[in-house]
Amino acid sequence: MSGKKSHTLTVIVIPIQNLCLDQGLEEGGVCAGDLIFHSAVCQYASCQLHFGPGSGGFRKRKHDNFPHGQRKDEKNNVNSSSSLMVSFKSFQLELDTRHDKYERLVKLSRDITIESKRTIFLLHRITSDPNGEEILNESEAKLEAVRQKIKQVAQELIGEDMYQFHRAISPGLQEYVEAVSFQYFIKTRSLISVKEINKQLIFTVEDKEEETNTPSSNPHDEQLCTWSLKVTPVDYLLGVADLTGELMRMCINSVGNGDIDTPFELSQFLRQIYDGFSYIGNTGPYEVSKKLYTLKQSLAKVENACYTLKVRGSEIPKHMLADVFSTKAEMIDREEGLS
């Protein structure tokens, strides 16, 4: 602004002898050292003289008075066999082991997520491929490979509290629930329960014992090793909420292929899921309430498709229905974004 005056900062370095003479300070007072900074801040033709730590001089650190070699000797003199050091070394080993296991679980969860997504993409082809039984068999083989990954997760969690590592494996379990429930819906037109999912995640392996020198022992004696991993109710709900998005895509693809009955069937199924989630409301976990908005969007798109088929189905050619629905879905997203 034109009404303000400019401020200037001038820093002058003056030999200590001259400054001491001007200020009348004796040797050993403030004038100790080779040079000091004389900071003059000129503001409206007035100057102030500042001394001391506020002038921006160098401060001594805590250990500057101790020689470097002496500090190194003190570090080397620490008794590594003391009970305190032994305890901290055991803590270090335990934390390193836990962090390594956490990273392995994150990698396994990422692999489970990738394979589950590939299974979902494969199942979407069933709306356009007449050989649906072959696609279902291929999807079952892919899901079995995913279960082998989950088996490795179960082995990693033997003797551990699963909830300490839940954040590492939760994304993979949610994606697996989505893939399994999508396949189950295509087969039975119903929703799979969490108990049925957990039954598929019980793994039994034959463990052969080593031979012993005792005559009565059987060298082919076998034991059954069982591992299991339970999907938590929250992971199940989040996976089912993601399933609604896949059912919405299945609805649009079915209409594009000339299937008029599937959208109405999906609309009723999605309405039942939405009603069930509405009972939970805001009383459930935060992630579940956040998924409720996406679920409502998917239901609105499917119901809009059913409305268009019922009212204007005879006016629009079948090969153009999918384009009409996708355009209306974009308009719904825009309107909800503005609101």
C-alpha atoms as a PDB file:
ATOM      1  CA  MET A   1       0.000   0.000   0.000  1.00  0.00           C
ATOM      2  CA  SER A   2       1.193   3.543  -0.721  1.00  0.00           C
ATOM      3  CA  GLY A   3       0.381   4.755   2.825  1.00  0.00           C
ATOM      4  CA  LYS A   4       2.823   2.343   4.515  1.00  0.00           C
ATOM      5  CA  LYS A   5       6.507   3.087   5.067  1.00  0.00           C
ATOM      6  CA  SER A   6       9.155   0.557   4.107  1.00  0.00           C
ATOM      7  CA  HIS A   7      11.169  -1.036   6.903  1.00  0.00           C
ATOM      8  CA  THR A   8      14.858  -1.780   6.477  1.00  0.00           C
ATOM      9  CA  LEU A   9      17.060  -4.128   8.481  1.00  0.00           C
ATOM     10  CA  THR A  10      20.731  -3.220   8.816  1.00  0.00           C
ATOM     11  CA  VAL A  11      23.285  -5.603  10.305  1.00  0.00           C
ATOM     12  CA  ILE A  12      26.658  -4.083  11.189  1.00  0.00           C
ATOM     13  CA  VAL A  13      29.692  -6.049  12.353  1.00  0.00           C
ATOM     14  CA  ILE A  14      31.933  -3.918  14.589  1.00  0.00           C
ATOM     15  CA  PRO A  15      35.294  -4.943  16.090  1.00  0.00           C
ATOM     16  CA  ILE A  16      34.873  -5.794  19.742  1.00  0.00           C
ATOM     17  CA  GLN A  17      37.479  -3.314  20.914  1.00  0.00           C
ATOM     18  CA  ASN A  18      35.731  -0.301  19.365  1.00  0.00           C
ATOM     19  CA  LEU A  19      32.337  -1.397  20.648  1.00  0.00           C
ATOM     20  CA  CYS A  20      33.667  -1.862  24.156  1.00  0.00           C
ATOM     21  CA  LEU A  21      35.188   1.600  24.131  1.00  0.00           C
ATOM     22  CA  ASP A  22      31.972   3.184  22.858  1.00  0.00           C
ATOM     23  CA  GLN A  23      29.774   1.480  25.453  1.00  0.00           C
ATOM     24  CA  GLY A  24      32.228   1.867  28.315  1.00  0.00           C
ATOM     25  CA  LEU A  25      32.214  -1.897  28.999  1.00  0.00           C
ATOM     26  CA  GLU A  26      35.118  -3.505  30.735  1.00  0.00           C
ATOM     27  CA  GLU A  27      36.917  -6.585  29.581  1.00  0.00           C
ATOM     28  CA  GLY A  28      35.186  -9.817  30.706  1.00  0.00           C
ATOM     29  CA  GLY A  29      31.638  -8.331  30.589  1.00  0.00           C
ATOM     30  CA  VAL A  30      29.298  -8.580  27.651  1.00  0.00           C
ATOM     31  CA  CYS A  31      32.250  -8.014  25.274  1.00  0.00           C
ATOM     32  CA  ALA A  32      33.658 -11.561  25.467  1.00  0.00           C
ATOM     33  CA  GLY A  33      34.832 -13.159  22.216  1.00  0.00           C
ATOM     34  CA  ASP A  34      36.229 -11.977  18.942  1.00  0.00           C
ATOM     35  CA  LEU A  35      33.142 -10.380  17.312  1.00  0.00           C
ATOM     36  CA  ILE A  36      29.508  -9.745  18.228  1.00  0.00           C
ATOM     37  CA  PHE A  37      26.601  -8.726  16.074  1.00  0.00           C
ATOM     38  CA  HIS A  38      25.273  -5.203  16.378  1.00  0.00           C
ATOM     39  CA  SER A  39      21.707  -5.407  15.133  1.00  0.00           C
ATOM     40  CA  ALA A  40      20.103  -2.075  14.383  1.00  0.00           C
ATOM     41  CA  VAL A  41      16.463  -2.096  13.345  1.00  0.00           C
ATOM     42  CA  CYS A  42      15.627   1.270  11.849  1.00  0.00           C
ATOM     43  CA  GLN A  43      11.920   2.042  12.009  1.00  0.00           C
ATOM     44  CA  TYR A  44      10.525   5.560  11.692  1.00  0.00           C
ATOM     45  CA  ALA A  45      14.027   7.002  12.191  1.00  0.00           C
ATOM     46  CA  SER A  46      14.533   5.208  15.552  1.00  0.00           C
ATOM     47  CA  CYS A  47      17.207   2.569  16.241  1.00  0.00           C
ATOM     48  CA  GLN A  48      17.347  -0.164  18.865  1.00  0.00           C
ATOM     49  CA  LEU A  49      20.443  -2.001  20.023  1.00  0.00           C
ATOM     50  CA  HIS A  50      20.054  -5.674  20.907  1.00  0.00           C
ATOM     51  CA  PHE A  51      22.493  -7.871  22.792  1.00  0.00           C
ATOM     52  CA  GLY A  52      22.365 -11.365  24.183  1.00  0.00           C
ATOM     53  CA  PRO A  53      20.905 -14.649  22.888  1.00  0.00           C
ATOM     54  CA  GLY A  54      18.118 -12.902  20.937  1.00  0.00           C
ATOM     55  CA  SER A  55      20.629 -11.375  18.517  1.00  0.00           C
ATOM     56  CA  GLY A  56      20.890 -14.566  16.516  1.00  0.00           C
ATOM     57  CA  GLY A  57      24.299 -15.679  17.783  1.00  0.00           C
ATOM     58  CA  PHE A  58      25.470 -19.251  18.016  1.00  0.00           C
ATOM     59  CA  ARG A  59      24.425 -21.356  20.997  1.00  0.00           C
ATOM     60  CA  LYS A  60      26.454 -24.098  22.521  1.00  0.00           C
ATOM     61  CA  ARG A  61      24.947 -27.528  22.386  1.00  0.00           C
ATOM     62  CA  LYS A  62      24.547 -29.692  25.431  1.00  0.00           C
ATOM     63  CA  HIS A  63      27.583 -31.910  24.881  1.00  0.00           C
ATOM     64  CA  ASP A  64      29.986 -29.389  23.300  1.00  0.00           C
ATOM     65  CA  ASN A  65      32.090 -29.235  26.465  1.00  0.00           C
ATOM     66  CA  PHE A  66      32.746 -33.004  26.341  1.00  0.00           C
ATOM     67  CA  PRO A  67      35.364 -34.404  23.975  1.00  0.00           C
ATOM     68  CA  HIS A  68      34.038 -36.691  21.251  1.00  0.00           C
ATOM     69  CA  GLY A  69      36.270 -39.537  22.328  1.00  0.00           C
ATOM     70  CA  GLN A  70      34.932 -39.405  25.878  1.00  0.00           C
ATOM     71  CA  ARG A  71      31.331 -39.749  24.665  1.00  0.00           C
ATOM     72  CA  LYS A  72      32.336 -42.713  22.501  1.00  0.00           C
ATOM     73  CA  ASP A  73      34.024 -44.399  25.444  1.00  0.00           C
ATOM     74  CA  GLU A  74      30.884 -43.950  27.547  1.00  0.00           C
ATOM     75  CA  LYS A  75      28.844 -45.643  24.809  1.00  0.00           C
ATOM     76  CA  ASN A  76      31.253 -48.555  24.638  1.00  0.00           C
ATOM     77  CA  ASN A  77      31.194 -48.951  28.413  1.00  0.00           C
ATOM     78  CA  VAL A  78      27.482 -49.928  28.373  1.00  0.00           C
ATOM     79  CA  ASN A  79      27.070 -53.383  29.845  1.00  0.00           C
ATOM     80  CA  SER A  80      25.337 -55.417  27.132  1.00  0.00           C
ATOM     81  CA  SER A  81      24.752 -58.317  29.517  1.00  0.00           C
ATOM     82  CA  SER A  82      22.700 -56.296  31.992  1.00  0.00           C
ATOM     83  CA  SER A  83      19.102 -57.305  32.577  1.00  0.00           C
ATOM     84  CA  LEU A  84      17.852 -54.022  31.089  1.00  0.00           C
ATOM     85  CA  MET A  85      19.769 -54.465  27.824  1.00  0.00           C
ATOM     86  CA  VAL A  86      18.709 -58.102  27.571  1.00  0.00           C
ATOM     87  CA  SER A  87      15.066 -57.071  27.995  1.00  0.00           C
ATOM     88  CA  PHE A  88      15.302 -54.401  25.297  1.00  0.00           C
ATOM     89  CA  LYS A  89      17.007 -56.809  22.901  1.00  0.00           C
ATOM     90  CA  SER A  90      14.150 -59.261  23.375  1.00  0.00           C
ATOM     91  CA  PHE A  91      11.680 -56.425  22.732  1.00  0.00           C
ATOM     92  CA  GLN A  92      13.560 -55.525  19.557  1.00  0.00           C
ATOM     93  CA  LEU A  93      13.458 -59.122  18.332  1.00  0.00           C
ATOM     94  CA  GLU A  94       9.743 -59.404  19.074  1.00  0.00           C
ATOM     95  CA  LEU A  95       8.913 -56.159  17.260  1.00  0.00           C
ATOM     96  CA  ASP A  96      11.019 -57.092  14.225  1.00  0.00           C
ATOM     97  CA  THR A  97       9.298 -60.472  14.023  1.00  0.00           C
ATOM     98  CA  ARG A  98       5.863 -58.864  14.284  1.00  0.00           C
ATOM     99  CA  HIS A  99       6.629 -56.246  11.631  1.00  0.00           C
ATOM    100  CA  ASP A 100       7.983 -58.873   9.231  1.00  0.00           C
ATOM    101  CA  LYS A 101       4.838 -60.963   9.697  1.00  0.00           C
ATOM    102  CA  TYR A 102       2.664 -57.890   9.116  1.00  0.00           C
ATOM    103  CA  GLU A 103       4.429 -57.179   5.814  1.00  0.00           C
ATOM    104  CA  ARG A 104       4.002 -60.788   4.679  1.00  0.00           C
ATOM    105  CA  LEU A 105       0.286 -60.595   5.466  1.00  0.00           C
ATOM    106  CA  VAL A 106      -0.051 -57.345   3.509  1.00  0.00           C
ATOM    107  CA  LYS A 107       1.499 -59.016   0.448  1.00  0.00           C
ATOM    108  CA  LEU A 108      -0.787 -62.042   0.787  1.00  0.00           C
ATOM    109  CA  SER A 109      -3.817 -59.765   1.133  1.00  0.00           C
ATOM    110  CA  ARG A 110      -2.789 -57.936  -2.030  1.00  0.00           C
ATOM    111  CA  ASP A 111      -2.542 -61.235  -3.926  1.00  0.00           C
ATOM    112  CA  ILE A 112      -5.971 -62.291  -2.620  1.00  0.00           C
ATOM    113  CA  THR A 113      -7.450 -58.981  -3.783  1.00  0.00           C
ATOM    114  CA  ILE A 114      -5.979 -59.294  -7.280  1.00  0.00           C
ATOM    115  CA  GLU A 115      -7.144 -62.885  -7.815  1.00  0.00           C
ATOM    116  CA  SER A 116     -10.610 -62.118  -6.444  1.00  0.00           C
ATOM    117  CA  LYS A 117     -10.996 -59.185  -8.845  1.00  0.00           C
ATOM    118  CA  ARG A 118     -10.000 -61.426 -11.746  1.00  0.00           C
ATOM    119  CA  THR A 119     -12.680 -63.905 -10.671  1.00  0.00           C
ATOM    120  CA  ILE A 120     -15.292 -61.131 -10.640  1.00  0.00           C
ATOM    121  CA  PHE A 121     -14.270 -59.979 -14.135  1.00  0.00           C
ATOM    122  CA  LEU A 122     -14.593 -63.574 -15.325  1.00  0.00           C
ATOM    123  CA  LEU A 123     -18.075 -63.944 -13.826  1.00  0.00           C
ATOM    124  CA  HIS A 124     -19.292 -60.816 -15.629  1.00  0.00           C
ATOM    125  CA  ARG A 125     -18.774 -62.646 -18.918  1.00  0.00           C
ATOM    126  CA  ILE A 126     -21.598 -65.031 -18.040  1.00  0.00           C
ATOM    127  CA  THR A 127     -24.216 -62.494 -19.194  1.00  0.00           C
ATOM    128  CA  SER A 128     -22.899 -62.574 -22.773  1.00  0.00           C
ATOM    129  CA  ASP A 129     -21.382 -66.078 -23.012  1.00  0.00           C
ATOM    130  CA  PRO A 130     -23.853 -68.898 -23.723  1.00  0.00           C
ATOM    131  CA  ASN A 131     -21.526 -71.442 -22.101  1.00  0.00           C
ATOM    132  CA  GLY A 132     -22.148 -70.310 -18.539  1.00  0.00           C
ATOM    133  CA  GLU A 133     -21.342 -73.633 -16.881  1.00  0.00           C
ATOM    134  CA  GLU A 134     -17.779 -73.531 -18.145  1.00  0.00           C
ATOM    135  CA  ILE A 135     -17.305 -70.015 -16.754  1.00  0.00           C
ATOM    136  CA  LEU A 136     -18.606 -71.121 -13.347  1.00  0.00           C
ATOM    137  CA  ASN A 137     -16.174 -74.051 -13.281  1.00  0.00           C
ATOM    138  CA  GLU A 138     -13.286 -71.764 -14.191  1.00  0.00           C
ATOM    139  CA  SER A 139     -14.305 -69.294 -11.494  1.00  0.00           C
ATOM    140  CA  GLU A 140     -14.402 -72.108  -8.923  1.00  0.00           C
ATOM    141  CA  ALA A 141     -10.821 -73.042  -9.832  1.00  0.00           C
ATOM    142  CA  LYS A 142      -9.749 -69.417  -9.380  1.00  0.00           C
ATOM    143  CA  LEU A 143     -11.488 -69.178  -6.010  1.00  0.00           C
ATOM    144  CA  GLU A 144      -9.775 -72.369  -4.896  1.00  0.00           C
ATOM    145  CA  ALA A 145      -6.428 -70.723  -5.692  1.00  0.00           C
ATOM    146  CA  VAL A 146      -7.520 -67.745  -3.592  1.00  0.00           C
ATOM    147  CA  ARG A 147      -8.344 -70.081  -0.704  1.00  0.00           C
ATOM    148  CA  GLN A 148      -4.815 -71.444  -0.853  1.00  0.00           C
ATOM    149  CA  LYS A 149      -3.580 -67.897  -0.296  1.00  0.00           C
ATOM    150  CA  ILE A 150      -5.982 -67.560   2.632  1.00  0.00           C
ATOM    151  CA  LYS A 151      -4.579 -70.827   3.969  1.00  0.00           C
ATOM    152  CA  GLN A 152      -1.132 -69.199   4.076  1.00  0.00           C
ATOM    153  CA  VAL A 153      -2.666 -66.321   6.022  1.00  0.00           C
ATOM    154  CA  ALA A 154      -4.162 -68.797   8.496  1.00  0.00           C
ATOM    155  CA  GLN A 155      -0.756 -70.439   8.943  1.00  0.00           C
ATOM    156  CA  GLU A 156       0.843 -67.061   9.630  1.00  0.00           C
ATOM    157  CA  LEU A 157      -1.757 -66.329  12.317  1.00  0.00           C
ATOM    158  CA  ILE A 158      -1.268 -69.562  14.280  1.00  0.00           C
ATOM    159  CA  GLY A 159      -0.806 -68.592  17.928  1.00  0.00           C
ATOM    160  CA  GLU A 160      -1.450 -64.906  17.165  1.00  0.00           C
ATOM    161  CA  ASP A 161      -4.329 -62.585  17.902  1.00  0.00           C
ATOM    162  CA  MET A 162      -5.965 -62.066  14.506  1.00  0.00           C
ATOM    163  CA  TYR A 163      -7.222 -58.596  15.412  1.00  0.00           C
ATOM    164  CA  GLN A 164      -3.644 -57.339  15.811  1.00  0.00           C
ATOM    165  CA  PHE A 165      -3.126 -58.050  12.093  1.00  0.00           C
ATOM    166  CA  HIS A 166      -6.689 -57.393  10.944  1.00  0.00           C
ATOM    167  CA  ARG A 167      -5.842 -54.176   9.087  1.00  0.00           C
ATOM    168  CA  ALA A 168      -3.325 -56.084   6.977  1.00  0.00           C
ATOM    169  CA  ILE A 169      -5.730 -58.802   5.784  1.00  0.00           C
ATOM    170  CA  SER A 170      -9.090 -56.995   5.809  1.00  0.00           C
ATOM    171  CA  PRO A 171      -8.991 -55.655   2.187  1.00  0.00           C
ATOM    172  CA  GLY A 172      -8.267 -59.118   0.802  1.00  0.00           C
ATOM    173  CA  LEU A 173     -11.019 -60.772   2.841  1.00  0.00           C
ATOM    174  CA  GLN A 174     -13.570 -58.166   1.729  1.00  0.00           C
ATOM    175  CA  GLU A 175     -12.704 -58.740  -1.924  1.00  0.00           C
ATOM    176  CA  TYR A 176     -12.911 -62.513  -1.432  1.00  0.00           C
ATOM    177  CA  VAL A 177     -16.377 -62.182   0.149  1.00  0.00           C
ATOM    178  CA  GLU A 178     -17.452 -60.072  -2.827  1.00  0.00           C
ATOM    179  CA  ALA A 179     -16.228 -62.681  -5.339  1.00  0.00           C
ATOM    180  CA  VAL A 180     -17.716 -65.670  -3.472  1.00  0.00           C
ATOM    181  CA  SER A 181     -21.085 -63.980  -2.934  1.00  0.00           C
ATOM    182  CA  PHE A 182     -21.230 -62.922  -6.606  1.00  0.00           C
ATOM    183  CA  GLN A 183     -20.610 -66.491  -7.760  1.00  0.00           C
ATOM    184  CA  TYR A 184     -23.127 -67.817  -5.226  1.00  0.00           C
ATOM    185  CA  PHE A 185     -25.786 -65.378  -6.435  1.00  0.00           C
ATOM    186  CA  ILE A 186     -25.287 -66.408 -10.065  1.00  0.00           C
ATOM    187  CA  LYS A 187     -25.737 -70.052  -9.075  1.00  0.00           C
ATOM    188  CA  THR A 188     -28.607 -69.819  -6.578  1.00  0.00           C
ATOM    189  CA  ARG A 189     -30.037 -66.282  -6.895  1.00  0.00           C
ATOM    190  CA  SER A 190     -29.594 -65.823  -3.131  1.00  0.00           C
ATOM    191  CA  LEU A 191     -27.075 -64.360  -0.682  1.00  0.00           C
ATOM    192  CA  ILE A 192     -24.408 -66.534   0.888  1.00  0.00           C
ATOM    193  CA  SER A 193     -24.149 -66.413   4.689  1.00  0.00           C
ATOM    194  CA  VAL A 194     -21.016 -65.742   6.698  1.00  0.00           C
ATOM    195  CA  LYS A 195     -21.214 -69.261   8.166  1.00  0.00           C
ATOM    196  CA  GLU A 196     -21.041 -70.831   4.713  1.00  0.00           C
ATOM    197  CA  ILE A 197     -18.062 -68.664   3.831  1.00  0.00           C
ATOM    198  CA  ASN A 198     -16.216 -69.667   6.998  1.00  0.00           C
ATOM    199  CA  LYS A 199     -16.902 -73.356   6.315  1.00  0.00           C
ATOM    200  CA  GLN A 200     -14.926 -73.009   3.091  1.00  0.00           C
ATOM    201  CA  LEU A 201     -11.976 -71.547   5.006  1.00  0.00           C
ATOM    202  CA  ILE A 202     -11.228 -74.632   7.123  1.00  0.00           C
ATOM    203  CA  PHE A 203      -8.130 -76.374   5.788  1.00  0.00           C
ATOM    204  CA  THR A 204      -7.033 -79.897   6.720  1.00  0.00           C
ATOM    205  CA  VAL A 205      -3.628 -81.299   5.748  1.00  0.00           C
ATOM    206  CA  GLU A 206      -2.144 -84.725   6.433  1.00  0.00           C
ATOM    207  CA  ASP A 207       1.100 -84.476   8.389  1.00  0.00           C
ATOM    208  CA  LYS A 208       3.275 -87.593   8.259  1.00  0.00           C
ATOM    209  CA  GLU A 209       5.359 -88.306  11.337  1.00  0.00           C
ATOM    210  CA  GLU A 210       9.025 -89.104  11.048  1.00  0.00           C
ATOM    211  CA  GLU A 211      10.201 -92.680  11.544  1.00  0.00           C
ATOM    212  CA  THR A 212      11.317 -93.633  15.009  1.00  0.00           C
ATOM    213  CA  ASN A 213      13.528 -96.492  16.123  1.00  0.00           C
ATOM    214  CA  THR A 214      10.920 -97.996  18.442  1.00  0.00           C
ATOM    215  CA  PRO A 215       9.552-101.293  17.056  1.00  0.00           C
ATOM    216  CA  SER A 216       5.947-100.473  17.950  1.00  0.00           C
ATOM    217  CA  SER A 217       5.871 -97.206  16.020  1.00  0.00           C
ATOM    218  CA  ASN A 218       4.290 -97.077  12.601  1.00  0.00           C
ATOM    219  CA  PRO A 219       6.475 -95.198  10.059  1.00  0.00           C
ATOM    220  CA  HIS A 220       3.399 -94.263   8.024  1.00  0.00           C
ATOM    221  CA  ASP A 221       1.486 -92.858  10.955  1.00  0.00           C
ATOM    222  CA  GLU A 222      -0.400 -89.688   9.923  1.00  0.00           C
ATOM    223  CA  GLN A 223      -1.922 -86.789  11.786  1.00  0.00           C
ATOM    224  CA  LEU A 224      -4.403 -84.213  10.550  1.00  0.00           C
ATOM    225  CA  CYS A 225      -3.348 -80.561  10.824  1.00  0.00           C
ATOM    226  CA  THR A 226      -6.230 -78.103  10.661  1.00  0.00           C
ATOM    227  CA  TRP A 227      -6.029 -74.372  10.006  1.00  0.00           C
ATOM    228  CA  SER A 228      -8.956 -72.011   9.786  1.00  0.00           C
ATOM    229  CA  LEU A 229      -9.560 -68.322   9.252  1.00  0.00           C
ATOM    230  CA  LYS A 230     -12.847 -66.702  10.171  1.00  0.00           C
ATOM    231  CA  VAL A 231     -14.257 -63.774   8.229  1.00  0.00           C
ATOM    232  CA  THR A 232     -15.394 -61.132  10.709  1.00  0.00           C
ATOM    233  CA  PRO A 233     -18.970 -59.773  10.500  1.00  0.00           C
ATOM    234  CA  VAL A 234     -17.643 -56.342   9.491  1.00  0.00           C
ATOM    235  CA  ASP A 235     -15.614 -57.767   6.589  1.00  0.00           C
ATOM    236  CA  TYR A 236     -18.663 -59.764   5.513  1.00  0.00           C
ATOM    237  CA  LEU A 237     -20.909 -56.686   5.514  1.00  0.00           C
ATOM    238  CA  LEU A 238     -18.370 -54.615   3.598  1.00  0.00           C
ATOM    239  CA  GLY A 239     -17.970 -57.383   1.018  1.00  0.00           C
ATOM    240  CA  VAL A 240     -21.743 -57.641   0.553  1.00  0.00           C
ATOM    241  CA  ALA A 241     -21.959 -53.856   0.168  1.00  0.00           C
ATOM    242  CA  ASP A 242     -19.373 -54.047  -2.627  1.00  0.00           C
ATOM    243  CA  LEU A 243     -21.388 -56.876  -4.200  1.00  0.00           C
ATOM    244  CA  THR A 244     -24.213 -54.439  -4.947  1.00  0.00           C
ATOM    245  CA  GLY A 245     -21.972 -52.538  -7.346  1.00  0.00           C
ATOM    246  CA  GLU A 246     -21.238 -55.727  -9.291  1.00  0.00           C
ATOM    247  CA  LEU A 247     -24.950 -56.576  -9.418  1.00  0.00           C
ATOM    248  CA  MET A 248     -25.662 -53.111 -10.822  1.00  0.00           C
ATOM    249  CA  ARG A 249     -23.104 -53.729 -13.608  1.00  0.00           C
ATOM    250  CA  MET A 250     -24.631 -57.140 -14.220  1.00  0.00           C
ATOM    251  CA  CYS A 251     -28.030 -55.466 -14.628  1.00  0.00           C
ATOM    252  CA  ILE A 252     -26.769 -53.020 -17.273  1.00  0.00           C
ATOM    253  CA  ASN A 253     -24.899 -55.777 -19.130  1.00  0.00           C
ATOM    254  CA  SER A 254     -27.986 -57.996 -19.115  1.00  0.00           C
ATOM    255  CA  VAL A 255     -30.120 -55.255 -20.652  1.00  0.00           C
ATOM    256  CA  GLY A 256     -27.495 -54.675 -23.320  1.00  0.00           C
ATOM    257  CA  ASN A 257     -27.683 -58.363 -24.222  1.00  0.00           C
ATOM    258  CA  GLY A 258     -31.484 -58.289 -24.473  1.00  0.00           C
ATOM    259  CA  ASP A 259     -32.247 -59.904 -21.103  1.00  0.00           C
ATOM    260  CA  ILE A 260     -35.299 -58.053 -19.773  1.00  0.00           C
ATOM    261  CA  ASP A 261     -36.096 -60.280 -16.765  1.00  0.00           C
ATOM    262  CA  THR A 262     -32.770 -60.066 -14.899  1.00  0.00           C
ATOM    263  CA  PRO A 263     -32.980 -56.312 -14.048  1.00  0.00           C
ATOM    264  CA  PHE A 264     -36.302 -56.765 -12.203  1.00  0.00           C
ATOM    265  CA  GLU A 265     -34.896 -59.754 -10.328  1.00  0.00           C
ATOM    266  CA  LEU A 266     -31.799 -57.794  -9.344  1.00  0.00           C
ATOM    267  CA  SER A 267     -33.904 -54.822  -8.285  1.00  0.00           C
ATOM    268  CA  GLN A 268     -35.831 -56.921  -5.750  1.00  0.00           C
ATOM    269  CA  PHE A 269     -32.629 -58.503  -4.425  1.00  0.00           C
ATOM    270  CA  LEU A 270     -30.857 -55.148  -4.039  1.00  0.00           C
ATOM    271  CA  ARG A 271     -33.901 -53.679  -2.294  1.00  0.00           C
ATOM    272  CA  GLN A 272     -33.747 -56.478   0.297  1.00  0.00           C
ATOM    273  CA  ILE A 273     -30.032 -55.857   0.895  1.00  0.00           C
ATOM    274  CA  TYR A 274     -30.617 -52.115   1.236  1.00  0.00           C
ATOM    275  CA  ASP A 275     -33.422 -52.691   3.735  1.00  0.00           C
ATOM    276  CA  GLY A 276     -31.126 -54.911   5.783  1.00  0.00           C
ATOM    277  CA  PHE A 277     -28.370 -52.290   5.830  1.00  0.00           C
ATOM    278  CA  SER A 278     -30.902 -49.609   6.751  1.00  0.00           C
ATOM    279  CA  TYR A 279     -31.619 -51.435  10.009  1.00  0.00           C
ATOM    280  CA  ILE A 280     -27.945 -51.024  10.933  1.00  0.00           C
ATOM    281  CA  GLY A 281     -27.887 -47.314  10.059  1.00  0.00           C
ATOM    282  CA  ASN A 282     -25.318 -45.259  11.945  1.00  0.00           C
ATOM    283  CA  THR A 283     -25.152 -47.695  14.856  1.00  0.00           C
ATOM    284  CA  GLY A 284     -22.711 -49.984  13.052  1.00  0.00           C
ATOM    285  CA  PRO A 285     -19.048 -49.450  12.194  1.00  0.00           C
ATOM    286  CA  TYR A 286     -18.061 -46.298  10.343  1.00  0.00           C
ATOM    287  CA  GLU A 287     -17.037 -48.195   7.200  1.00  0.00           C
ATOM    288  CA  VAL A 288     -20.457 -49.848   6.945  1.00  0.00           C
ATOM    289  CA  SER A 289     -22.363 -46.560   7.182  1.00  0.00           C
ATOM    290  CA  LYS A 290     -20.067 -45.096   4.519  1.00  0.00           C
ATOM    291  CA  LYS A 291     -20.836 -47.989   2.142  1.00  0.00           C
ATOM    292  CA  LEU A 292     -24.562 -47.368   2.580  1.00  0.00           C
ATOM    293  CA  TYR A 293     -24.404 -44.321   0.291  1.00  0.00           C
ATOM    294  CA  THR A 294     -22.776 -46.336  -2.520  1.00  0.00           C
ATOM    295  CA  LEU A 295     -25.346 -49.096  -2.042  1.00  0.00           C
ATOM    296  CA  LYS A 296     -28.157 -46.562  -2.403  1.00  0.00           C
ATOM    297  CA  GLN A 297     -26.617 -45.281  -5.649  1.00  0.00           C
ATOM    298  CA  SER A 298     -26.452 -48.793  -7.117  1.00  0.00           C
ATOM    299  CA  LEU A 299     -30.070 -49.459  -6.160  1.00  0.00           C
ATOM    300  CA  ALA A 300     -31.205 -46.176  -7.743  1.00  0.00           C
ATOM    301  CA  LYS A 301     -29.494 -47.043 -11.038  1.00  0.00           C
ATOM    302  CA  VAL A 302     -31.083 -50.501 -11.170  1.00  0.00           C
ATOM    303  CA  GLU A 303     -34.546 -49.148 -10.305  1.00  0.00           C
ATOM    304  CA  ASN A 304     -34.160 -46.463 -12.962  1.00  0.00           C
ATOM    305  CA  ALA A 305     -33.326 -49.173 -15.502  1.00  0.00           C
ATOM    306  CA  CYS A 306     -36.428 -51.142 -14.493  1.00  0.00           C
ATOM    307  CA  TYR A 307     -38.572 -48.011 -14.769  1.00  0.00           C
ATOM    308  CA  THR A 308     -37.277 -47.290 -18.256  1.00  0.00           C
ATOM    309  CA  LEU A 309     -37.907 -50.870 -19.344  1.00  0.00           C
ATOM    310  CA  LYS A 310     -41.440 -50.821 -17.973  1.00  0.00           C
ATOM    311  CA  VAL A 311     -42.499 -47.433 -19.313  1.00  0.00           C
ATOM    312  CA  ARG A 312     -40.454 -46.968 -22.482  1.00  0.00           C
ATOM    313  CA  GLY A 313     -39.246 -50.487 -23.199  1.00  0.00           C
ATOM    314  CA  SER A 314     -41.300 -50.787 -26.374  1.00  0.00           C
ATOM    315  CA  GLU A 315     -40.111 -47.404 -27.703  1.00  0.00           C
ATOM    316  CA  ILE A 316     -36.345 -47.971 -27.406  1.00  0.00           C
ATOM    317  CA  PRO A 317     -34.619 -50.626 -29.534  1.00  0.00           C
ATOM    318  CA  LYS A 318     -32.942 -53.343 -27.487  1.00  0.00           C
ATOM    319  CA  HIS A 319     -29.463 -52.589 -28.817  1.00  0.00           C
ATOM    320  CA  MET A 320     -29.779 -48.988 -27.536  1.00  0.00           C
ATOM    321  CA  LEU A 321     -31.078 -49.741 -24.044  1.00  0.00           C
ATOM    322  CA  ALA A 322     -27.629 -50.085 -22.465  1.00  0.00           C
ATOM    323  CA  ASP A 323     -26.562 -46.664 -23.824  1.00  0.00           C
ATOM    324  CA  VAL A 324     -29.730 -45.048 -22.482  1.00  0.00           C
ATOM    325  CA  PHE A 325     -29.198 -46.541 -19.026  1.00  0.00           C
ATOM    326  CA  SER A 326     -25.540 -45.559 -18.852  1.00  0.00           C
ATOM    327  CA  THR A 327     -26.439 -41.963 -19.820  1.00  0.00           C
ATOM    328  CA  LYS A 328     -29.126 -41.779 -17.138  1.00  0.00           C
ATOM    329  CA  ALA A 329     -26.740 -43.266 -14.585  1.00  0.00           C
ATOM    330  CA  GLU A 330     -24.262 -40.460 -15.325  1.00  0.00           C
ATOM    331  CA  MET A 331     -27.047 -37.897 -14.888  1.00  0.00           C
ATOM    332  CA  ILE A 332     -27.955 -39.421 -11.501  1.00  0.00           C
ATOM    333  CA  ASP A 333     -24.322 -39.243 -10.386  1.00  0.00           C
ATOM    334  CA  ARG A 334     -24.127 -35.586 -11.447  1.00  0.00           C
ATOM    335  CA  GLU A 335     -27.334 -34.639  -9.636  1.00  0.00           C
ATOM    336  CA  GLU A 336     -26.228 -36.385  -6.434  1.00  0.00           C
ATOM    337  CA  GLY A 337     -22.844 -34.701  -6.686  1.00  0.00           C
ATOM    338  CA  LEU A 338     -24.496 -31.269  -6.896  1.00  0.00           C
ATOM    339  CA  SER A 339     -26.801 -32.005  -3.986  1.00  0.00           C
END
